[in-house]
Every structure is written in C-alpha cells, then in structure tokens.
C-alpha cells in the first residue's frame, strides 16, 4: 500500500488520506499540497532554481497556515511552513492510539441478532419463520 505503485504511494495520496482520517486540518492540507508542489518544482527541473523565481515565489506566498511578518522572503516562508507542517504531522502522530485487533469472527453475535430479529418479525406479523431462516 505504501510502495510507489501502491494506493498510498504518493505524498499527495497520503495527504488526502490524513485529511480523510481527520488527522490534518484543511489549512495544513492546503499548505502541504503547496509544499509538495514546490518540492516537485525543484525535483523535476534540470536547471538551478531559486525561491525568487516567479512560479516558486507565488507558491511560497500562497502558503497561509500562519501569518508571516511583512517582508519575509519566499524561502523563509517555505522553511517556516515546512516546520509547521512537520510539527502538525508529529502532533497528529502523538495523538494517535493504536487500534486493537478485533477478535476472530465466530458468528455468535450474528446468530443472536438474527434470532432476535426473527422473534420480532414472528411476534409482530404473526408469521412462522422457523423453516425460513
């Protein structure tokens, strides 16, 4: 599932899953997606880039999880947002509790529920379901 070809193989899909599970707020997800795009801008270009290039600069100025001091440069906005996002991910991780593995299914609860439903239907509608279920 976490391999590069798995359903959660991309950073984008992991961000979406974290949001769907309630682990990340909408504004953190917004910034994580921008940070992801900035990372991709640097990773998939063969020429040297700086944060002051138009596309990267505008992405950095779209980061909005916290107010930035006036005059803060694009790279500083990126770095601060990255630290905040990393902290939010860590705080979410620390808040998690491990799920308990469910006991093996034995059918007892289902049989009890089915018998209760059967009795209700028989009593309510005056029908005999003894040979039906």
N, C-alpha and C. Protein backbone atom coordinates (compact mmCIF):
# COMPACT_ATOMS: atom_id res chain seq x y z
N UNK A 1 0.82 -1.18 0.00
CA UNK A 1 0.00 0.00 0.00
C UNK A 1 0.87 1.27 0.00
N UNK A 2 2.00 1.22 0.69
CA UNK A 2 2.88 2.38 0.76
C UNK A 2 3.98 2.37 -0.29
N UNK A 3 4.07 1.31 -1.09
CA UNK A 3 5.08 1.27 -2.14
C UNK A 3 4.75 2.33 -3.19
N UNK A 4 5.70 2.63 -4.05
CA UNK A 4 5.48 3.69 -5.04
C UNK A 4 4.31 3.40 -5.97
N UNK A 5 3.97 2.14 -6.16
CA UNK A 5 2.83 1.80 -7.01
C UNK A 5 1.56 1.53 -6.19
N UNK A 6 1.66 1.65 -4.88
CA UNK A 6 0.52 1.37 -4.01
C UNK A 6 -0.46 2.54 -3.94
N UNK A 7 -1.60 2.29 -3.33
CA UNK A 7 -2.65 3.31 -3.25
C UNK A 7 -2.22 4.52 -2.43
N UNK A 8 -1.28 4.35 -1.52
CA UNK A 8 -0.75 5.47 -0.74
C UNK A 8 0.72 5.72 -1.08
N UNK A 9 1.07 5.47 -2.31
CA UNK A 9 2.46 5.58 -2.74
C UNK A 9 2.94 7.00 -2.97
N UNK A 10 2.03 7.93 -3.18
CA UNK A 10 2.45 9.31 -3.43
C UNK A 10 2.20 10.17 -2.20
N UNK A 11 2.95 11.25 -2.09
CA UNK A 11 2.77 12.18 -0.98
C UNK A 11 1.37 12.78 -1.04
N UNK A 12 0.89 13.06 -2.24
CA UNK A 12 -0.44 13.62 -2.43
C UNK A 12 -1.52 12.69 -1.86
N UNK A 13 -1.44 11.41 -2.16
CA UNK A 13 -2.45 10.47 -1.66
C UNK A 13 -2.35 10.32 -0.15
N UNK A 14 -1.17 10.43 0.41
CA UNK A 14 -1.00 10.35 1.86
C UNK A 14 -1.59 11.58 2.54
N UNK A 15 -1.42 12.74 1.92
CA UNK A 15 -2.03 13.96 2.45
C UNK A 15 -3.54 13.81 2.44
N UNK A 16 -4.10 13.35 1.32
CA UNK A 16 -5.55 13.16 1.20
C UNK A 16 -6.06 12.17 2.25
N UNK A 17 -5.33 11.08 2.47
CA UNK A 17 -5.75 10.09 3.45
C UNK A 17 -5.69 10.67 4.86
N UNK A 18 -4.64 11.40 5.18
CA UNK A 18 -4.53 12.02 6.51
C UNK A 18 -5.70 12.97 6.76
N UNK A 19 -6.09 13.72 5.74
CA UNK A 19 -7.23 14.62 5.88
C UNK A 19 -8.53 13.82 6.03
N UNK A 20 -8.70 12.79 5.22
CA UNK A 20 -9.92 11.97 5.28
C UNK A 20 -10.07 11.30 6.64
N UNK A 21 -8.96 10.95 7.27
CA UNK A 21 -8.99 10.31 8.59
C UNK A 21 -9.10 11.33 9.72
N UNK A 22 -9.13 12.61 9.38
CA UNK A 22 -9.24 13.65 10.40
C UNK A 22 -7.94 13.95 11.13
N UNK A 23 -6.82 13.58 10.53
CA UNK A 23 -5.53 13.79 11.18
C UNK A 23 -4.94 15.16 10.88
N UNK A 24 -5.40 15.80 9.82
CA UNK A 24 -4.88 17.10 9.41
C UNK A 24 -6.04 18.07 9.19
N UNK A 25 -5.82 19.32 9.54
CA UNK A 25 -6.82 20.36 9.28
C UNK A 25 -6.74 20.80 7.82
N UNK A 26 -7.80 21.46 7.38
CA UNK A 26 -7.88 21.88 5.98
C UNK A 26 -6.76 22.85 5.62
N UNK A 27 -6.42 23.79 6.52
CA UNK A 27 -5.39 24.76 6.18
C UNK A 27 -4.00 24.12 6.14
N UNK A 28 -3.75 23.13 6.98
CA UNK A 28 -2.47 22.42 6.92
C UNK A 28 -2.39 21.60 5.63
N UNK A 29 -3.48 20.96 5.25
CA UNK A 29 -3.52 20.21 3.99
C UNK A 29 -3.27 21.15 2.81
N UNK A 30 -3.87 22.32 2.85
CA UNK A 30 -3.64 23.33 1.80
C UNK A 30 -2.15 23.61 1.66
N UNK A 31 -1.50 23.89 2.79
CA UNK A 31 -0.07 24.20 2.74
C UNK A 31 0.77 22.99 2.37
N UNK A 32 0.41 21.81 2.85
CA UNK A 32 1.16 20.60 2.48
C UNK A 32 1.13 20.38 0.97
N UNK A 33 -0.01 20.64 0.35
CA UNK A 33 -0.09 20.48 -1.10
C UNK A 33 0.77 21.50 -1.83
N UNK A 34 0.84 22.72 -1.32
CA UNK A 34 1.73 23.72 -1.93
C UNK A 34 3.18 23.32 -1.72
N UNK A 35 3.53 22.89 -0.51
CA UNK A 35 4.90 22.45 -0.23
C UNK A 35 5.29 21.28 -1.14
N UNK A 36 4.35 20.38 -1.37
CA UNK A 36 4.59 19.24 -2.26
C UNK A 36 4.88 19.73 -3.68
N UNK A 37 4.10 20.70 -4.14
CA UNK A 37 4.31 21.24 -5.50
C UNK A 37 5.66 21.95 -5.61
N UNK A 38 6.04 22.68 -4.56
CA UNK A 38 7.35 23.35 -4.57
C UNK A 38 8.45 22.31 -4.63
N UNK A 39 8.33 21.27 -3.85
CA UNK A 39 9.32 20.18 -3.87
C UNK A 39 9.43 19.60 -5.27
N UNK A 40 8.27 19.36 -5.90
CA UNK A 40 8.27 18.80 -7.26
C UNK A 40 8.89 19.77 -8.26
N UNK A 41 8.66 21.07 -8.07
CA UNK A 41 9.28 22.05 -8.96
C UNK A 41 10.80 21.92 -8.93
N UNK A 42 11.36 21.77 -7.75
CA UNK A 42 12.81 21.63 -7.62
C UNK A 42 13.30 20.26 -8.12
N UNK A 43 12.53 19.22 -7.89
CA UNK A 43 12.97 17.86 -8.20
C UNK A 43 12.93 17.53 -9.69
N UNK A 44 12.06 18.17 -10.43
CA UNK A 44 11.84 17.76 -11.82
C UNK A 44 12.35 18.75 -12.85
N UNK A 45 13.27 19.60 -12.44
CA UNK A 45 13.86 20.57 -13.37
C UNK A 45 15.36 20.39 -13.34
N UNK A 46 15.97 20.38 -14.51
CA UNK A 46 17.42 20.14 -14.57
C UNK A 46 18.25 21.40 -14.35
N UNK A 47 17.65 22.57 -14.46
CA UNK A 47 18.41 23.81 -14.26
C UNK A 47 18.30 24.26 -12.80
N UNK A 48 19.24 25.03 -12.33
CA UNK A 48 19.17 25.54 -10.95
C UNK A 48 17.97 26.47 -10.78
N UNK A 49 17.30 26.36 -9.66
CA UNK A 49 16.15 27.21 -9.35
C UNK A 49 16.40 27.95 -8.04
N UNK A 50 15.71 29.07 -7.89
CA UNK A 50 15.71 29.77 -6.60
C UNK A 50 14.26 30.02 -6.21
N UNK A 51 14.05 30.31 -4.95
CA UNK A 51 12.70 30.59 -4.47
C UNK A 51 12.17 31.92 -5.00
N UNK A 52 13.03 32.74 -5.55
CA UNK A 52 12.60 34.05 -6.03
C UNK A 52 12.10 34.01 -7.47
N UNK A 53 12.16 32.85 -8.12
CA UNK A 53 11.58 32.75 -9.47
C UNK A 53 10.07 32.84 -9.35
N UNK A 54 9.44 33.43 -10.36
CA UNK A 54 8.02 33.79 -10.27
C UNK A 54 7.12 32.67 -9.78
N UNK A 55 7.17 31.51 -10.43
CA UNK A 55 6.28 30.41 -10.05
C UNK A 55 6.50 29.95 -8.62
N UNK A 56 7.74 29.78 -8.24
CA UNK A 56 8.05 29.34 -6.88
C UNK A 56 7.71 30.41 -5.86
N UNK A 57 8.02 31.65 -6.19
CA UNK A 57 7.73 32.76 -5.28
C UNK A 57 6.23 32.85 -5.02
N UNK A 58 5.43 32.75 -6.08
CA UNK A 58 3.98 32.86 -5.90
C UNK A 58 3.44 31.69 -5.08
N UNK A 59 4.00 30.50 -5.26
CA UNK A 59 3.58 29.37 -4.43
C UNK A 59 3.90 29.65 -2.96
N UNK A 60 5.10 30.15 -2.70
CA UNK A 60 5.50 30.43 -1.32
C UNK A 60 4.60 31.49 -0.69
N UNK A 61 4.16 32.45 -1.49
CA UNK A 61 3.29 33.49 -0.96
C UNK A 61 1.83 33.02 -0.85
N UNK A 62 1.52 31.85 -1.36
CA UNK A 62 0.19 31.25 -1.19
C UNK A 62 0.11 30.42 0.08
N UNK A 63 1.25 30.15 0.71
CA UNK A 63 1.25 29.42 1.98
C UNK A 63 0.54 30.27 3.02
N UNK A 64 -0.41 29.68 3.75
CA UNK A 64 -1.29 30.51 4.57
C UNK A 64 -1.61 29.94 5.94
N UNK A 65 -0.92 28.90 6.39
CA UNK A 65 -1.29 28.29 7.66
C UNK A 65 -1.01 29.23 8.84
N UNK A 66 -0.11 30.17 8.65
CA UNK A 66 0.17 31.14 9.71
C UNK A 66 0.45 32.50 9.08
N UNK A 67 0.24 33.57 9.84
CA UNK A 67 0.60 34.89 9.30
C UNK A 67 2.12 35.05 9.30
N UNK A 68 2.63 35.63 8.25
CA UNK A 68 4.08 35.85 8.13
C UNK A 68 4.38 37.33 8.35
N UNK A 69 5.53 37.63 8.93
CA UNK A 69 5.93 39.03 9.07
C UNK A 69 6.07 39.68 7.69
N UNK A 70 5.75 40.95 7.62
CA UNK A 70 5.88 41.69 6.35
C UNK A 70 7.33 41.64 5.89
N UNK A 71 7.51 41.49 4.61
CA UNK A 71 8.85 41.49 4.03
C UNK A 71 9.58 40.16 4.09
N UNK A 72 8.94 39.13 4.62
CA UNK A 72 9.58 37.82 4.71
C UNK A 72 9.76 37.24 3.31
N UNK A 73 10.94 36.80 2.99
CA UNK A 73 11.25 36.28 1.65
C UNK A 73 10.59 34.91 1.44
N UNK A 74 10.49 34.55 0.17
CA UNK A 74 9.82 33.30 -0.23
C UNK A 74 10.45 32.08 0.44
N UNK A 75 11.77 32.01 0.44
CA UNK A 75 12.45 30.85 1.04
C UNK A 75 12.15 30.73 2.53
N UNK A 76 12.12 31.85 3.23
CA UNK A 76 11.79 31.83 4.66
C UNK A 76 10.35 31.40 4.90
N UNK A 77 9.44 31.83 4.03
CA UNK A 77 8.05 31.38 4.12
C UNK A 77 7.98 29.86 3.94
N UNK A 78 8.72 29.37 2.94
CA UNK A 78 8.76 27.93 2.69
C UNK A 78 9.27 27.20 3.93
N UNK A 79 10.40 27.63 4.47
CA UNK A 79 11.01 26.95 5.61
C UNK A 79 10.10 26.97 6.83
N UNK A 80 9.51 28.11 7.13
CA UNK A 80 8.60 28.20 8.28
C UNK A 80 7.38 27.29 8.09
N UNK A 81 6.83 27.30 6.90
CA UNK A 81 5.67 26.45 6.63
C UNK A 81 6.02 24.98 6.72
N UNK A 82 7.21 24.63 6.27
CA UNK A 82 7.66 23.24 6.33
C UNK A 82 7.79 22.79 7.79
N UNK A 83 8.34 23.65 8.65
CA UNK A 83 8.47 23.32 10.07
C UNK A 83 7.09 23.16 10.71
N UNK A 84 6.18 24.07 10.39
CA UNK A 84 4.82 23.97 10.95
C UNK A 84 4.14 22.69 10.48
N UNK A 85 4.25 22.38 9.21
CA UNK A 85 3.64 21.15 8.68
C UNK A 85 4.24 19.92 9.35
N UNK A 86 5.56 19.90 9.51
CA UNK A 86 6.21 18.76 10.18
C UNK A 86 5.74 18.64 11.62
N UNK A 87 5.59 19.77 12.30
CA UNK A 87 5.09 19.74 13.68
C UNK A 87 3.66 19.21 13.73
N UNK A 88 2.82 19.66 12.82
CA UNK A 88 1.43 19.20 12.80
C UNK A 88 1.35 17.70 12.54
N UNK A 89 2.18 17.20 11.66
CA UNK A 89 2.21 15.76 11.40
C UNK A 89 2.65 15.02 12.66
N UNK A 90 3.67 15.53 13.33
CA UNK A 90 4.16 14.88 14.55
C UNK A 90 3.12 14.95 15.66
N UNK A 91 2.45 16.09 15.83
CA UNK A 91 1.41 16.20 16.86
C UNK A 91 0.27 15.23 16.58
N UNK A 92 -0.11 15.10 15.32
CA UNK A 92 -1.16 14.15 14.95
C UNK A 92 -0.72 12.72 15.27
N UNK A 93 0.53 12.42 14.99
CA UNK A 93 1.06 11.08 15.28
C UNK A 93 1.05 10.80 16.77
N UNK A 94 1.42 11.79 17.57
CA UNK A 94 1.47 11.61 19.02
C UNK A 94 0.08 11.43 19.62
N UNK A 95 -0.93 12.01 18.97
CA UNK A 95 -2.31 11.89 19.47
C UNK A 95 -2.95 10.55 19.16
N UNK A 96 -2.36 9.80 18.25
CA UNK A 96 -2.96 8.53 17.83
C UNK A 96 -2.83 7.47 18.92
N UNK A 97 -3.82 6.61 18.97
CA UNK A 97 -3.72 5.42 19.80
C UNK A 97 -3.81 4.22 18.87
N UNK A 98 -3.08 3.20 19.21
CA UNK A 98 -3.06 2.02 18.35
C UNK A 98 -4.40 1.31 18.43
N UNK A 99 -4.91 0.93 17.28
CA UNK A 99 -6.16 0.18 17.21
C UNK A 99 -5.95 -1.22 17.77
N UNK A 100 -6.97 -1.73 18.39
CA UNK A 100 -6.92 -3.10 18.88
C UNK A 100 -7.36 -4.04 17.77
N UNK A 101 -6.66 -5.14 17.65
CA UNK A 101 -7.03 -6.15 16.66
C UNK A 101 -8.32 -6.80 17.12
N UNK A 102 -9.27 -6.88 16.22
CA UNK A 102 -10.56 -7.48 16.58
C UNK A 102 -10.41 -8.98 16.75
N UNK A 103 -11.21 -9.51 17.65
CA UNK A 103 -11.23 -10.96 17.86
C UNK A 103 -11.76 -11.64 16.60
N UNK A 104 -11.39 -12.87 16.41
CA UNK A 104 -11.88 -13.63 15.26
C UNK A 104 -13.39 -13.71 15.29
N UNK A 105 -13.97 -13.63 14.12
CA UNK A 105 -15.42 -13.73 13.98
C UNK A 105 -15.85 -15.14 14.31
N UNK A 106 -16.88 -15.25 15.18
CA UNK A 106 -17.37 -16.59 15.49
C UNK A 106 -18.85 -16.76 15.20
N UNK A 107 -19.51 -15.73 14.78
CA UNK A 107 -20.91 -15.84 14.39
C UNK A 107 -21.90 -15.79 15.53
N UNK A 108 -21.43 -15.80 16.75
CA UNK A 108 -22.34 -15.83 17.90
C UNK A 108 -23.21 -14.57 17.96
N UNK A 109 -22.61 -13.40 17.79
CA UNK A 109 -23.38 -12.15 17.83
C UNK A 109 -24.38 -12.11 16.69
N UNK A 110 -23.96 -12.54 15.52
CA UNK A 110 -24.86 -12.53 14.37
C UNK A 110 -26.03 -13.48 14.60
N UNK A 111 -25.75 -14.65 15.11
CA UNK A 111 -26.81 -15.63 15.38
C UNK A 111 -27.79 -15.07 16.41
N UNK A 112 -27.28 -14.44 17.46
CA UNK A 112 -28.15 -13.86 18.48
C UNK A 112 -29.01 -12.76 17.88
N UNK A 113 -28.40 -11.86 17.10
CA UNK A 113 -29.14 -10.77 16.47
C UNK A 113 -30.19 -11.31 15.50
N UNK A 114 -29.82 -12.32 14.74
CA UNK A 114 -30.75 -12.91 13.78
C UNK A 114 -31.94 -13.55 14.50
N UNK A 115 -31.68 -14.23 15.59
CA UNK A 115 -32.76 -14.84 16.37
C UNK A 115 -33.68 -13.78 16.96
N UNK A 116 -33.10 -12.67 17.43
CA UNK A 116 -33.92 -11.59 17.96
C UNK A 116 -34.79 -10.97 16.87
N UNK A 117 -34.22 -10.78 15.69
CA UNK A 117 -34.98 -10.23 14.57
C UNK A 117 -36.08 -11.20 14.15
N UNK A 118 -35.75 -12.46 14.10
CA UNK A 118 -36.73 -13.49 13.72
C UNK A 118 -37.90 -13.48 14.70
N UNK A 119 -37.61 -13.43 16.00
CA UNK A 119 -38.67 -13.42 17.01
C UNK A 119 -39.53 -12.17 16.87
N UNK A 120 -38.89 -11.01 16.65
CA UNK A 120 -39.62 -9.76 16.47
C UNK A 120 -40.59 -9.87 15.29
N UNK A 121 -40.10 -10.35 14.14
CA UNK A 121 -40.94 -10.46 12.94
C UNK A 121 -42.09 -11.44 13.19
N UNK A 122 -41.78 -12.58 13.81
CA UNK A 122 -42.83 -13.57 14.09
C UNK A 122 -43.90 -12.99 15.01
N UNK A 123 -43.47 -12.29 16.06
CA UNK A 123 -44.44 -11.71 17.01
C UNK A 123 -45.22 -10.56 16.38
N UNK A 124 -44.53 -9.71 15.68
CA UNK A 124 -45.15 -8.51 15.13
C UNK A 124 -46.12 -8.82 13.99
N UNK A 125 -45.74 -9.77 13.13
CA UNK A 125 -46.53 -10.04 11.93
C UNK A 125 -47.22 -11.40 11.96
N UNK A 126 -47.17 -12.07 13.09
CA UNK A 126 -47.83 -13.37 13.26
C UNK A 126 -47.49 -14.34 12.13
N UNK A 127 -46.19 -14.49 11.89
CA UNK A 127 -45.74 -15.43 10.87
C UNK A 127 -44.79 -16.42 11.51
N UNK A 128 -44.68 -17.57 10.88
CA UNK A 128 -43.77 -18.61 11.37
C UNK A 128 -42.56 -18.65 10.44
N UNK A 129 -41.41 -18.30 10.98
CA UNK A 129 -40.19 -18.29 10.19
C UNK A 129 -39.26 -19.45 10.56
N UNK A 130 -39.76 -20.41 11.28
CA UNK A 130 -38.90 -21.50 11.76
C UNK A 130 -38.25 -22.28 10.61
N UNK A 131 -38.90 -22.38 9.48
CA UNK A 131 -38.32 -23.10 8.34
C UNK A 131 -37.65 -22.17 7.33
N UNK A 132 -37.74 -20.87 7.56
CA UNK A 132 -37.22 -19.90 6.60
C UNK A 132 -35.78 -19.50 6.86
N UNK A 133 -35.43 -19.41 8.11
CA UNK A 133 -34.10 -18.88 8.43
C UNK A 133 -33.33 -19.89 9.25
